[in-house]
Full PDB file with SEQRES, HELIX, SHEET, SSBOND, CRYST1, ORIGX, SCALE, CONECT and MASTER records, all heavy atoms in Angstrom:
SEQRES   1 A   43  GLY SER THR ASN TYR ALA ASP SER VAL LYS GLY ARG PHE          
SEQRES   2 A   43  THR ILE SER ARG ASP ASN ALA LYS ASN THR VAL TYR LEU          
SEQRES   3 A   43  GLN MET ASN SER LEU LYS PRO GLU ASP THR ALA VAL TYR          
SEQRES   4 A   43  TYR CYS ASN ALA                                              
HELIX    1 AA1 ASN A   19  LYS A   21  5                                   3    
HELIX    2 AA2 PRO A   33  ASP A   35  5                                   3    
SHEET    1 AA1 2 PHE A  13  ASP A  18  0                                        
SHEET    2 AA1 2 THR A  23  MET A  28 -1                                        
CRYST1    1.000    1.000    1.000  90.00  90.00  90.00 P 1           1          
ORIGX1      1.000000  0.000000  0.000000        0.00000                         
ORIGX2      0.000000  1.000000  0.000000        0.00000                         
ORIGX3      0.000000  0.000000  1.000000        0.00000                         
SCALE1      1.000000  0.000000  0.000000        0.00000                         
SCALE2      0.000000  1.000000  0.000000        0.00000                         
SCALE3      0.000000  0.000000  1.000000        0.00000                         
ATOM      1  N   GLY A   1       0.771  -1.229   0.000  1.00  0.00           N  
ATOM      2  CA  GLY A   1       0.000   0.000   0.000  1.00  0.00           C  
ATOM      3  C   GLY A   1       0.803   1.280   0.000  1.00  0.00           C  
ATOM      4  O   GLY A   1       0.214   2.369   0.011  1.00  0.00           O  
ATOM      5  N   SER A   2       2.123   1.192  -0.025  1.00  0.00           N  
ATOM      6  CA  SER A   2       2.937   2.395  -0.095  1.00  0.00           C  
ATOM      7  C   SER A   2       2.802   3.040  -1.470  1.00  0.00           C  
ATOM      8  O   SER A   2       2.746   2.345  -2.479  1.00  0.00           O  
ATOM      9  CB  SER A   2       4.401   2.077   0.180  1.00  0.00           C  
ATOM     10  OG  SER A   2       4.574   1.564   1.488  1.00  0.00           O  
ATOM     11  N   THR A   3       2.779   4.361  -1.514  1.00  0.00           N  
ATOM     12  CA  THR A   3       2.616   5.090  -2.763  1.00  0.00           C  
ATOM     13  C   THR A   3       3.718   6.109  -2.951  1.00  0.00           C  
ATOM     14  O   THR A   3       4.323   6.593  -1.985  1.00  0.00           O  
ATOM     15  CB  THR A   3       1.260   5.802  -2.821  1.00  0.00           C  
ATOM     16  OG1 THR A   3       1.162   6.735  -1.738  1.00  0.00           O  
ATOM     17  CG2 THR A   3       0.119   4.812  -2.733  1.00  0.00           C  
ATOM     18  N   ASN A   4       3.957   6.449  -4.208  1.00  0.00           N  
ATOM     19  CA  ASN A   4       4.891   7.496  -4.555  1.00  0.00           C  
ATOM     20  C   ASN A   4       4.390   8.163  -5.825  1.00  0.00           C  
ATOM     21  O   ASN A   4       3.830   7.502  -6.700  1.00  0.00           O  
ATOM     22  CB  ASN A   4       6.298   6.944  -4.757  1.00  0.00           C  
ATOM     23  CG  ASN A   4       7.352   8.023  -4.783  1.00  0.00           C  
ATOM     24  OD1 ASN A   4       7.223   9.048  -4.131  1.00  0.00           O  
ATOM     25  ND2 ASN A   4       8.425   7.789  -5.533  1.00  0.00           N  
ATOM     26  N   TYR A   5       4.601   9.477  -5.925  1.00  0.00           N  
ATOM     27  CA  TYR A   5       4.102  10.263  -7.048  1.00  0.00           C  
ATOM     28  C   TYR A   5       5.189  11.142  -7.628  1.00  0.00           C  
ATOM     29  O   TYR A   5       6.071  11.614  -6.912  1.00  0.00           O  
ATOM     30  CB  TYR A   5       2.955  11.171  -6.603  1.00  0.00           C  
ATOM     31  CG  TYR A   5       1.745  10.459  -6.077  1.00  0.00           C  
ATOM     32  CD1 TYR A   5       1.628  10.142  -4.727  1.00  0.00           C  
ATOM     33  CD2 TYR A   5       0.712  10.096  -6.933  1.00  0.00           C  
ATOM     34  CE1 TYR A   5       0.515   9.486  -4.241  1.00  0.00           C  
ATOM     35  CE2 TYR A   5      -0.410   9.440  -6.454  1.00  0.00           C  
ATOM     36  CZ  TYR A   5      -0.501   9.139  -5.109  1.00  0.00           C  
ATOM     37  OH  TYR A   5      -1.615   8.488  -4.632  1.00  0.00           O  
ATOM     38  N   ALA A   6       5.080  11.387  -8.914  1.00  0.00           N  
ATOM     39  CA  ALA A   6       5.900  12.415  -9.526  1.00  0.00           C  
ATOM     40  C   ALA A   6       5.515  13.771  -8.948  1.00  0.00           C  
ATOM     41  O   ALA A   6       4.344  14.026  -8.651  1.00  0.00           O  
ATOM     42  CB  ALA A   6       5.704  12.428 -11.038  1.00  0.00           C  
ATOM     43  N   ASP A   7       6.500  14.644  -8.782  1.00  0.00           N  
ATOM     44  CA  ASP A   7       6.224  15.960  -8.215  1.00  0.00           C  
ATOM     45  C   ASP A   7       5.172  16.726  -9.020  1.00  0.00           C  
ATOM     46  O   ASP A   7       4.375  17.488  -8.456  1.00  0.00           O  
ATOM     47  CB  ASP A   7       7.510  16.781  -8.135  1.00  0.00           C  
ATOM     48  CG  ASP A   7       8.453  16.303  -7.051  1.00  0.00           C  
ATOM     49  OD1 ASP A   7       8.010  15.578  -6.140  1.00  0.00           O  
ATOM     50  OD2 ASP A   7       9.646  16.668  -7.115  1.00  0.00           O  
ATOM     51  N   SER A   8       5.146  16.525 -10.312  1.00  0.00           N  
ATOM     52  CA  SER A   8       4.242  17.260 -11.173  1.00  0.00           C  
ATOM     53  C   SER A   8       2.772  16.912 -10.963  1.00  0.00           C  
ATOM     54  O   SER A   8       1.895  17.684 -11.359  1.00  0.00           O  
ATOM     55  CB  SER A   8       4.610  17.037 -12.643  1.00  0.00           C  
ATOM     56  OG  SER A   8       4.540  15.665 -12.972  1.00  0.00           O  
ATOM     57  N   VAL A   9       2.487  15.765 -10.353  1.00  0.00           N  
ATOM     58  CA  VAL A   9       1.102  15.349 -10.151  1.00  0.00           C  
ATOM     59  C   VAL A   9       0.719  15.255  -8.682  1.00  0.00           C  
ATOM     60  O   VAL A   9      -0.459  15.025  -8.374  1.00  0.00           O  
ATOM     61  CB  VAL A   9       0.812  14.003 -10.840  1.00  0.00           C  
ATOM     62  CG1 VAL A   9       1.222  14.048 -12.301  1.00  0.00           C  
ATOM     63  CG2 VAL A   9       1.506  12.853 -10.121  1.00  0.00           C  
ATOM     64  N   LYS A  10       1.663  15.441  -7.800  1.00  0.00           N  
ATOM     65  CA  LYS A  10       1.409  15.314  -6.367  1.00  0.00           C  
ATOM     66  C   LYS A  10       0.333  16.305  -5.928  1.00  0.00           C  
ATOM     67  O   LYS A  10       0.387  17.488  -6.253  1.00  0.00           O  
ATOM     68  CB  LYS A  10       2.706  15.536  -5.598  1.00  0.00           C  
ATOM     69  CG  LYS A  10       2.703  15.014  -4.182  1.00  0.00           C  
ATOM     70  CD  LYS A  10       4.113  15.066  -3.574  1.00  0.00           C  
ATOM     71  CE  LYS A  10       5.074  14.163  -4.313  1.00  0.00           C  
ATOM     72  NZ  LYS A  10       6.440  14.173  -3.706  1.00  0.00           N  
ATOM     73  N   GLY A  11      -0.641  15.802  -5.197  1.00  0.00           N  
ATOM     74  CA  GLY A  11      -1.749  16.625  -4.746  1.00  0.00           C  
ATOM     75  C   GLY A  11      -2.917  16.662  -5.706  1.00  0.00           C  
ATOM     76  O   GLY A  11      -4.002  17.113  -5.324  1.00  0.00           O  
ATOM     77  N   ARG A  12      -2.717  16.222  -6.934  1.00  0.00           N  
ATOM     78  CA  ARG A  12      -3.781  16.207  -7.935  1.00  0.00           C  
ATOM     79  C   ARG A  12      -4.207  14.797  -8.312  1.00  0.00           C  
ATOM     80  O   ARG A  12      -5.381  14.559  -8.590  1.00  0.00           O  
ATOM     81  CB  ARG A  12      -3.335  16.947  -9.203  1.00  0.00           C  
ATOM     82  CG  ARG A  12      -2.978  18.408  -8.970  1.00  0.00           C  
ATOM     83  CD  ARG A  12      -2.734  19.123 -10.298  1.00  0.00           C  
ATOM     84  NE  ARG A  12      -1.577  18.576 -11.001  1.00  0.00           N  
ATOM     85  CZ  ARG A  12      -1.629  18.039 -12.219  1.00  0.00           C  
ATOM     86  NH1 ARG A  12      -2.780  17.982 -12.873  1.00  0.00           N  
ATOM     87  NH2 ARG A  12      -0.527  17.578 -12.790  1.00  0.00           N  
ATOM     88  N   PHE A  13      -3.258  13.865  -8.348  1.00  0.00           N  
ATOM     89  CA  PHE A  13      -3.530  12.483  -8.733  1.00  0.00           C  
ATOM     90  C   PHE A  13      -3.475  11.587  -7.508  1.00  0.00           C  
ATOM     91  O   PHE A  13      -2.680  11.812  -6.588  1.00  0.00           O  
ATOM     92  CB  PHE A  13      -2.494  11.973  -9.737  1.00  0.00           C  
ATOM     93  CG  PHE A  13      -2.552  12.604 -11.100  1.00  0.00           C  
ATOM     94  CD1 PHE A  13      -3.336  13.714 -11.365  1.00  0.00           C  
ATOM     95  CD2 PHE A  13      -1.798  12.064 -12.131  1.00  0.00           C  
ATOM     96  CE1 PHE A  13      -3.376  14.292 -12.619  1.00  0.00           C  
ATOM     97  CE2 PHE A  13      -1.830  12.628 -13.393  1.00  0.00           C  
ATOM     98  CZ  PHE A  13      -2.611  13.738 -13.648  1.00  0.00           C  
ATOM     99  N   THR A  14      -4.281  10.536  -7.511  1.00  0.00           N  
ATOM    100  CA  THR A  14      -4.274   9.543  -6.450  1.00  0.00           C  
ATOM    101  C   THR A  14      -4.276   8.146  -7.050  1.00  0.00           C  
ATOM    102  O   THR A  14      -5.155   7.819  -7.855  1.00  0.00           O  
ATOM    103  CB  THR A  14      -5.485   9.694  -5.522  1.00  0.00           C  
ATOM    104  OG1 THR A  14      -5.507  11.006  -4.960  1.00  0.00           O  
ATOM    105  CG2 THR A  14      -5.418   8.681  -4.386  1.00  0.00           C  
ATOM    106  N   ILE A  15      -3.299   7.335  -6.670  1.00  0.00           N  
ATOM    107  CA  ILE A  15      -3.259   5.947  -7.104  1.00  0.00           C  
ATOM    108  C   ILE A  15      -3.854   5.077  -5.998  1.00  0.00           C  
ATOM    109  O   ILE A  15      -3.614   5.311  -4.815  1.00  0.00           O  
ATOM    110  CB  ILE A  15      -1.821   5.507  -7.466  1.00  0.00           C  
ATOM    111  CG1 ILE A  15      -1.829   4.128  -8.129  1.00  0.00           C  
ATOM    112  CG2 ILE A  15      -0.902   5.540  -6.258  1.00  0.00           C  
ATOM    113  CD1 ILE A  15      -0.491   3.747  -8.754  1.00  0.00           C  
ATOM    114  N   SER A  16      -4.631   4.091  -6.386  1.00  0.00           N  
ATOM    115  CA  SER A  16      -5.226   3.168  -5.438  1.00  0.00           C  
ATOM    116  C   SER A  16      -5.311   1.789  -6.068  1.00  0.00           C  
ATOM    117  O   SER A  16      -5.062   1.626  -7.262  1.00  0.00           O  
ATOM    118  CB  SER A  16      -6.610   3.652  -4.981  1.00  0.00           C  
ATOM    119  OG  SER A  16      -7.505   3.749  -6.079  1.00  0.00           O  
ATOM    120  N   ARG A  17      -5.659   0.808  -5.269  1.00  0.00           N  
ATOM    121  CA  ARG A  17      -5.692  -0.565  -5.769  1.00  0.00           C  
ATOM    122  C   ARG A  17      -6.819  -1.357  -5.140  1.00  0.00           C  
ATOM    123  O   ARG A  17      -7.325  -1.019  -4.067  1.00  0.00           O  
ATOM    124  CB  ARG A  17      -4.356  -1.257  -5.472  1.00  0.00           C  
ATOM    125  CG  ARG A  17      -4.124  -1.418  -3.978  1.00  0.00           C  
ATOM    126  CD  ARG A  17      -2.863  -2.136  -3.644  1.00  0.00           C  
ATOM    127  NE  ARG A  17      -2.788  -2.374  -2.202  1.00  0.00           N  
ATOM    128  CZ  ARG A  17      -1.872  -3.101  -1.610  1.00  0.00           C  
ATOM    129  NH1 ARG A  17      -0.920  -3.666  -2.333  1.00  0.00           N  
ATOM    130  NH2 ARG A  17      -1.897  -3.261  -0.293  1.00  0.00           N  
ATOM    131  N   ASP A  18      -7.190  -2.426  -5.826  1.00  0.00           N  
ATOM    132  CA  ASP A  18      -8.080  -3.440  -5.294  1.00  0.00           C  
ATOM    133  C   ASP A  18      -7.344  -4.760  -5.495  1.00  0.00           C  
ATOM    134  O   ASP A  18      -7.350  -5.319  -6.591  1.00  0.00           O  
ATOM    135  CB  ASP A  18      -9.424  -3.434  -6.012  1.00  0.00           C  
ATOM    136  CG  ASP A  18     -10.419  -4.403  -5.403  1.00  0.00           C  
ATOM    137  OD1 ASP A  18     -10.005  -5.380  -4.762  1.00  0.00           O  
ATOM    138  OD2 ASP A  18     -11.636  -4.184  -5.576  1.00  0.00           O  
ATOM    139  N   ASN A  19      -6.692  -5.240  -4.451  1.00  0.00           N  
ATOM    140  CA  ASN A  19      -5.864  -6.436  -4.573  1.00  0.00           C  
ATOM    141  C   ASN A  19      -6.675  -7.674  -4.965  1.00  0.00           C  
ATOM    142  O   ASN A  19      -6.180  -8.537  -5.690  1.00  0.00           O  
ATOM    143  CB  ASN A  19      -5.125  -6.703  -3.263  1.00  0.00           C  
ATOM    144  CG  ASN A  19      -3.984  -5.743  -3.028  1.00  0.00           C  
ATOM    145  OD1 ASN A  19      -3.542  -5.034  -3.934  1.00  0.00           O  
ATOM    146  ND2 ASN A  19      -3.483  -5.714  -1.796  1.00  0.00           N  
ATOM    147  N   ALA A  20      -7.901  -7.768  -4.484  1.00  0.00           N  
ATOM    148  CA  ALA A  20      -8.735  -8.919  -4.813  1.00  0.00           C  
ATOM    149  C   ALA A  20      -9.031  -9.002  -6.299  1.00  0.00           C  
ATOM    150  O   ALA A  20      -9.241 -10.090  -6.840  1.00  0.00           O  
ATOM    151  CB  ALA A  20     -10.034  -8.874  -4.016  1.00  0.00           C  
ATOM    152  N   LYS A  21      -9.060  -7.859  -6.965  1.00  0.00           N  
ATOM    153  CA  LYS A  21      -9.348  -7.799  -8.399  1.00  0.00           C  
ATOM    154  C   LYS A  21      -8.105  -7.586  -9.249  1.00  0.00           C  
ATOM    155  O   LYS A  21      -8.215  -7.497 -10.473  1.00  0.00           O  
ATOM    156  CB  LYS A  21     -10.353  -6.691  -8.687  1.00  0.00           C  
ATOM    157  CG  LYS A  21     -11.698  -6.876  -8.018  1.00  0.00           C  
ATOM    158  CD  LYS A  21     -12.631  -5.725  -8.345  1.00  0.00           C  
ATOM    159  CE  LYS A  21     -13.986  -5.912  -7.681  1.00  0.00           C  
ATOM    160  NZ  LYS A  21     -14.898  -4.775  -7.967  1.00  0.00           N  
ATOM    161  N   ASN A  22      -6.932  -7.496  -8.612  1.00  0.00           N  
ATOM    162  CA  ASN A  22      -5.686  -7.196  -9.324  1.00  0.00           C  
ATOM    163  C   ASN A  22      -5.848  -5.971 -10.220  1.00  0.00           C  
ATOM    164  O   ASN A  22      -5.444  -5.966 -11.387  1.00  0.00           O  
ATOM    165  CB  ASN A  22      -5.211  -8.399 -10.137  1.00  0.00           C  
ATOM    166  CG  ASN A  22      -4.642  -9.504  -9.275  1.00  0.00           C  
ATOM    167  OD1 ASN A  22      -4.175  -9.268  -8.164  1.00  0.00           O  
ATOM    168  ND2 ASN A  22      -4.666 -10.725  -9.782  1.00  0.00           N  
ATOM    169  N   THR A  23      -6.428  -4.937  -9.656  1.00  0.00           N  
ATOM    170  CA  THR A  23      -6.742  -3.731 -10.398  1.00  0.00           C  
ATOM    171  C   THR A  23      -6.145  -2.511  -9.708  1.00  0.00           C  
ATOM    172  O   THR A  23      -6.182  -2.403  -8.482  1.00  0.00           O  
ATOM    173  CB  THR A  23      -8.260  -3.561 -10.542  1.00  0.00           C  
ATOM    174  OG1 THR A  23      -8.792  -4.674 -11.267  1.00  0.00           O  
ATOM    175  CG2 THR A  23      -8.603  -2.286 -11.291  1.00  0.00           C  
ATOM    176  N   VAL A  24      -5.604  -1.609 -10.505  1.00  0.00           N  
ATOM    177  CA  VAL A  24      -5.076  -0.353 -10.011  1.00  0.00           C  
ATOM    178  C   VAL A  24      -5.828   0.785 -10.687  1.00  0.00           C  
ATOM    179  O   VAL A  24      -6.244   0.671 -11.846  1.00  0.00           O  
ATOM    180  CB  VAL A  24      -3.553  -0.249 -10.245  1.00  0.00           C  
ATOM    181  CG1 VAL A  24      -3.222  -0.209 -11.732  1.00  0.00           C  
ATOM    182  CG2 VAL A  24      -2.972   0.960  -9.530  1.00  0.00           C  
ATOM    183  N   TYR A  25      -6.003   1.888  -9.955  1.00  0.00           N  
ATOM    184  CA  TYR A  25      -6.721   3.046 -10.449  1.00  0.00           C  
ATOM    185  C   TYR A  25      -5.840   4.279 -10.340  1.00  0.00           C  
ATOM    186  O   TYR A  25      -4.946   4.360  -9.498  1.00  0.00           O  
ATOM    187  CB  TYR A  25      -7.995   3.288  -9.642  1.00  0.00           C  
ATOM    188  CG  TYR A  25      -8.903   2.089  -9.554  1.00  0.00           C  
ATOM    189  CD1 TYR A  25      -8.806   1.198  -8.486  1.00  0.00           C  
ATOM    190  CD2 TYR A  25      -9.851   1.837 -10.535  1.00  0.00           C  
ATOM    191  CE1 TYR A  25      -9.631   0.094  -8.402  1.00  0.00           C  
ATOM    192  CE2 TYR A  25     -10.685   0.740 -10.461  1.00  0.00           C  
ATOM    193  CZ  TYR A  25     -10.572  -0.128  -9.392  1.00  0.00           C  
ATOM    194  OH  TYR A  25     -11.399  -1.229  -9.310  1.00  0.00           O  
ATOM    195  N   LEU A  26      -6.116   5.242 -11.189  1.00  0.00           N  
ATOM    196  CA  LEU A  26      -5.481   6.543 -11.090  1.00  0.00           C  
ATOM    197  C   LEU A  26      -6.564   7.605 -11.209  1.00  0.00           C  
ATOM    198  O   LEU A  26      -7.114   7.815 -12.292  1.00  0.00           O  
ATOM    199  CB  LEU A  26      -4.419   6.736 -12.172  1.00  0.00           C  
ATOM    200  CG  LEU A  26      -3.596   8.020 -12.057  1.00  0.00           C  
ATOM    201  CD1 LEU A  26      -2.708   7.981 -10.814  1.00  0.00           C  
ATOM    202  CD2 LEU A  26      -2.747   8.242 -13.309  1.00  0.00           C  
ATOM    203  N   GLN A  27      -6.880   8.243 -10.092  1.00  0.00           N  
ATOM    204  CA  GLN A  27      -7.818   9.356 -10.081  1.00  0.00           C  
ATOM    205  C   GLN A  27      -7.047  10.623 -10.391  1.00  0.00           C  
ATOM    206  O   GLN A  27      -6.120  10.985  -9.664  1.00  0.00           O  
ATOM    207  CB  GLN A  27      -8.508   9.472  -8.726  1.00  0.00           C  
ATOM    208  CG  GLN A  27      -9.487  10.629  -8.620  1.00  0.00           C  
ATOM    209  CD  GLN A  27     -10.688  10.459  -9.514  1.00  0.00           C  
ATOM    210  OE1 GLN A  27     -11.275   9.390  -9.560  1.00  0.00           O  
ATOM    211  NE2 GLN A  27     -11.055  11.515 -10.229  1.00  0.00           N  
ATOM    212  N   MET A  28      -7.430  11.305 -11.453  1.00  0.00           N  
ATOM    213  CA  MET A  28      -6.726  12.494 -11.916  1.00  0.00           C  
ATOM    214  C   MET A  28      -7.666  13.683 -11.814  1.00  0.00           C  
ATOM    215  O   MET A  28      -8.682  13.743 -12.507  1.00  0.00           O  
ATOM    216  CB  MET A  28      -6.239  12.316 -13.354  1.00  0.00           C  
ATOM    217  CG  MET A  28      -5.361  11.087 -13.550  1.00  0.00           C  
ATOM    218  SD  MET A  28      -4.661  10.991 -15.220  1.00  0.00           S  
ATOM    219  CE  MET A  28      -6.154  10.733 -16.167  1.00  0.00           C  
ATOM    220  N   ASN A  29      -7.325  14.621 -10.950  1.00  0.00           N  
ATOM    221  CA  ASN A  29      -8.106  15.831 -10.749  1.00  0.00           C  
ATOM    222  C   ASN A  29      -7.296  17.049 -11.165  1.00  0.00           C  
ATOM    223  O   ASN A  29      -6.082  16.997 -11.282  1.00  0.00           O  
ATOM    224  CB  ASN A  29      -8.523  15.969  -9.288  1.00  0.00           C  
ATOM    225  CG  ASN A  29      -9.395  14.841  -8.801  1.00  0.00           C  
ATOM    226  OD1 ASN A  29     -10.197  14.292  -9.555  1.00  0.00           O  
ATOM    227  ND2 ASN A  29      -9.258  14.496  -7.522  1.00  0.00           N  
ATOM    228  N   SER A  30      -7.988  18.159 -11.362  1.00  0.00           N  
ATOM    229  CA  SER A  30      -7.346  19.419 -11.726  1.00  0.00           C  
ATOM    230  C   SER A  30      -6.389  19.234 -12.893  1.00  0.00           C  
ATOM    231  O   SER A  30      -5.243  19.689 -12.871  1.00  0.00           O  
ATOM    232  CB  SER A  30      -6.613  20.009 -10.516  1.00  0.00           C  
ATOM    233  OG  SER A  30      -7.500  20.227  -9.440  1.00  0.00           O  
ATOM    234  N   LEU A  31      -6.864  18.582 -13.927  1.00  0.00           N  
ATOM    235  CA  LEU A  31      -6.007  18.241 -15.056  1.00  0.00           C  
ATOM    236  C   LEU A  31      -5.537  19.486 -15.799  1.00  0.00           C  
ATOM    237  O   LEU A  31      -6.270  20.468 -15.929  1.00  0.00           O  
ATOM    238  CB  LEU A  31      -6.730  17.301 -16.004  1.00  0.00           C  
ATOM    239  CG  LEU A  31      -6.790  15.847 -15.519  1.00  0.00           C  
ATOM    240  CD1 LEU A  31      -7.882  15.077 -16.238  1.00  0.00           C  
ATOM    241  CD2 LEU A  31      -5.436  15.174 -15.717  1.00  0.00           C  
ATOM    242  N   LYS A  32      -4.305  19.408 -16.276  1.00  0.00           N  
ATOM    243  CA  LYS A  32      -3.660  20.490 -17.004  1.00  0.00           C  
ATOM    244  C   LYS A  32      -3.300  20.024 -18.407  1.00  0.00           C  
ATOM    245  O   LYS A  32      -3.123  18.826 -18.636  1.00  0.00           O  
ATOM    246  CB  LYS A  32      -2.381  20.924 -16.276  1.00  0.00           C  
ATOM    247  CG  LYS A  32      -2.585  21.338 -14.833  1.00  0.00           C  
ATOM    248  CD  LYS A  32      -1.241  21.623 -14.165  1.00  0.00           C  
ATOM    249  CE  LYS A  32      -1.418  22.024 -12.717  1.00  0.00           C  
ATOM    250  NZ  LYS A  32      -0.103  22.291 -12.068  1.00  0.00           N  
ATOM    251  N   PRO A  33      -3.156  20.943 -19.358  1.00  0.00           N  
ATOM    252  CA  PRO A  33      -2.748  20.539 -20.707  1.00  0.00           C  
ATOM    253  C   PRO A  33      -1.455  19.726 -20.724  1.00  0.00           C  
ATOM    254  O   PRO A  33      -1.322  18.822 -21.558  1.00  0.00           O  
ATOM    255  CB  PRO A  33      -2.582  21.872 -21.435  1.00  0.00           C  
ATOM    256  CG  PRO A  33      -3.552  22.777 -20.758  1.00  0.00           C  
ATOM    257  CD  PRO A  33      -3.502  22.383 -19.306  1.00  0.00           C  
ATOM    258  N   GLU A  34      -0.533  20.020 -19.824  1.00  0.00           N  
ATOM    259  CA  GLU A  34       0.718  19.284 -19.782  1.00  0.00           C  
ATOM    260  C   GLU A  34       0.563  17.850 -19.289  1.00  0.00           C  
ATOM    261  O   GLU A  34       1.517  17.069 -19.344  1.00  0.00           O  
ATOM    262  CB  GLU A  34       1.772  20.018 -18.938  1.00  0.00           C  
ATOM    263  CG  GLU A  34       1.276  20.441 -17.571  1.00  0.00           C  
ATOM    264  CD  GLU A  34       0.826  21.886 -17.520  1.00  0.00           C  
ATOM    265  OE1 GLU A  34       0.096  22.321 -18.438  1.00  0.00           O  
ATOM    266  OE2 GLU A  34       1.193  22.595 -16.564  1.00  0.00           O  
ATOM    267  N   ASP A  35      -0.627  17.479 -18.812  1.00  0.00           N  
ATOM    268  CA  ASP A  35      -0.905  16.091 -18.468  1.00  0.00           C  
ATOM    269  C   ASP A  35      -1.251  15.245 -19.689  1.00  0.00           C  
ATOM    270  O   ASP A  35      -1.388  14.027 -19.568  1.00  0.00           O  
ATOM    271  CB  ASP A  35      -2.057  16.004 -17.461  1.00  0.00           C  
ATOM    272  CG  ASP A  35      -1.728  16.637 -16.124  1.00  0.00           C  
ATOM    273  OD1 ASP A  35      -0.597  16.436 -15.629  1.00  0.00           O  
ATOM    274  OD2 ASP A  35      -2.604  17.320 -15.562  1.00  0.00           O  
ATOM    275  N   THR A  36      -1.413  15.883 -20.837  1.00  0.00           N  
ATOM    276  CA  THR A  36      -1.751  15.166 -22.059  1.00  0.00           C  
ATOM    277  C   THR A  36      -0.658  14.161 -22.404  1.00  0.00           C  
ATOM    278  O   THR A  36       0.518  14.523 -22.525  1.00  0.00           O  
ATOM    279  CB  THR A  36      -1.957  16.138 -23.219  1.00  0.00           C  
ATOM    280  OG1 THR A  36      -3.090  16.969 -22.945  1.00  0.00           O  
ATOM    281  CG2 THR A  36      -2.194  15.389 -24.525  1.00  0.00           C  
ATOM    282  N   ALA A  37      -1.034  12.901 -22.559  1.00  0.00           N  
ATOM    283  CA  ALA A  37      -0.079  11.829 -22.833  1.00  0.00           C  
ATOM    284  C   ALA A  37      -0.839  10.528 -23.004  1.00  0.00           C  
ATOM    285  O   ALA A  37      -2.040  10.444 -22.718  1.00  0.00           O  
ATOM    286  CB  ALA A  37       0.930  11.688 -21.692  1.00  0.00           C  
ATOM    287  N   VAL A  38      -0.130   9.514 -23.465  1.00  0.00           N  
ATOM    288  CA  VAL A  38      -0.630   8.149 -23.370  1.00  0.00           C  
ATOM    289  C   VAL A  38      -0.208   7.608 -22.016  1.00  0.00           C  
ATOM    290  O   VAL A  38       0.971   7.662 -21.661  1.00  0.00           O  
ATOM    291  CB  VAL A  38      -0.094   7.262 -24.500  1.00  0.00           C  
ATOM    292  CG1 VAL A  38      -0.590   5.827 -24.326  1.00  0.00           C  
ATOM    293  CG2 VAL A  38      -0.526   7.804 -25.856  1.00  0.00           C  
ATOM    294  N   TYR A  39      -1.163   7.112 -21.269  1.00  0.00           N  
ATOM    295  CA  TYR A  39      -0.910   6.592 -19.939  1.00  0.00           C  
ATOM    296  C   TYR A  39      -0.855   5.070 -19.993  1.00  0.00           C  
ATOM    297  O   TYR A  39      -1.752   4.422 -20.534  1.00  0.00           O  
ATOM    298  CB  TYR A  39      -1.992   7.052 -18.964  1.00  0.00           C  
ATOM    299  CG  TYR A  39      -1.828   8.492 -18.550  1.00  0.00           C  
ATOM    300  CD1 TYR A  39      -2.052   9.526 -19.445  1.00  0.00           C  
ATOM    301  CD2 TYR A  39      -1.419   8.819 -17.252  1.00  0.00           C  
ATOM    302  CE1 TYR A  39      -1.871  10.844 -19.074  1.00  0.00           C  
ATOM    303  CE2 TYR A  39      -1.245  10.134 -16.869  1.00  0.00           C  
ATOM    304  CZ  TYR A  39      -1.466  11.146 -17.786  1.00  0.00           C  
ATOM    305  OH  TYR A  39      -1.292  12.457 -17.401  1.00  0.00           O  
ATOM    306  N   TYR A  40       0.210   4.507 -19.422  1.00  0.00           N  
ATOM    307  CA  TYR A  40       0.452   3.076 -19.448  1.00  0.00           C  
ATOM    308  C   TYR A  40       0.457   2.497 -18.046  1.00  0.00           C  
ATOM    309  O   TYR A  40       1.056   3.068 -17.131  1.00  0.00           O  
ATOM    310  CB  TYR A  40       1.803   2.764 -20.088  1.00  0.00           C  
ATOM    311  CG  TYR A  40       1.917   3.138 -21.545  1.00  0.00           C  
ATOM    312  CD1 TYR A  40       2.392   4.382 -21.924  1.00  0.00           C  
ATOM    313  CD2 TYR A  40       1.555   2.235 -22.532  1.00  0.00           C  
ATOM    314  CE1 TYR A  40       2.503   4.729 -23.248  1.00  0.00           C  
ATOM    315  CE2 TYR A  40       1.667   2.574 -23.870  1.00  0.00           C  
ATOM    316  CZ  TYR A  40       2.143   3.821 -24.223  1.00  0.00           C  
ATOM    317  OH  TYR A  40       2.257   4.156 -25.546  1.00  0.00           O  
ATOM    318  N   CYS A  41      -0.170   1.360 -17.904  1.00  0.00           N  
ATOM    319  CA  CYS A  41      -0.137   0.603 -16.661  1.00  0.00           C  
ATOM    320  C   CYS A  41       1.049  -0.351 -16.686  1.00  0.00           C  
ATOM    321  O   CYS A  41       1.368  -0.936 -17.724  1.00  0.00           O  
ATOM    322  CB  CYS A  41      -1.438  -0.180 -16.511  1.00  0.00           C  
ATOM    323  SG  CYS A  41      -1.572  -1.170 -15.021  1.00  0.00           S  
ATOM    324  N   ASN A  42       1.700  -0.500 -15.550  1.00  0.00           N  
ATOM    325  CA  ASN A  42       2.824  -1.411 -15.405  1.00  0.00           C  
ATOM    326  C   ASN A  42       2.638  -2.233 -14.139  1.00  0.00           C  
ATOM    327  O   ASN A  42       2.168  -1.721 -13.122  1.00  0.00           O  
ATOM    328  CB  ASN A  42       4.137  -0.628 -15.330  1.00  0.00           C  
ATOM    329  CG  ASN A  42       5.330  -1.510 -15.051  1.00  0.00           C  
ATOM    330  OD1 ASN A  42       5.740  -1.678 -13.901  1.00  0.00           O  
ATOM    331  ND2 ASN A  42       5.904  -2.078 -16.097  1.00  0.00           N  
ATOM    332  N   ALA A  43       3.006  -3.511 -14.212  1.00  0.00           N  
ATOM    333  CA  ALA A  43       2.891  -4.380 -13.047  1.00  0.00           C  
ATOM    334  C   ALA A  43       4.126  -5.247 -12.903  1.00  0.00           C  
ATOM    335  O   ALA A  43       4.615  -5.816 -13.885  1.00  0.00           O  
ATOM    336  CB  ALA A  43       1.652  -5.264 -13.146  1.00  0.00           C  
TER     337      ALA A  43                                                      
MASTER        0    0    0    2    2    0    0    6  336    1    0    4          
END                                                                             
């Protein structure tokens, strides 16, 4: 359950997980144009 964030998204994005479902989420708030990208999941 330990988390770490890039400085550019700290305070705006939240990563969470559901271990039973092997699923990870990324809640992205206060989005900025510089957040535009292809987002990839890694495990």
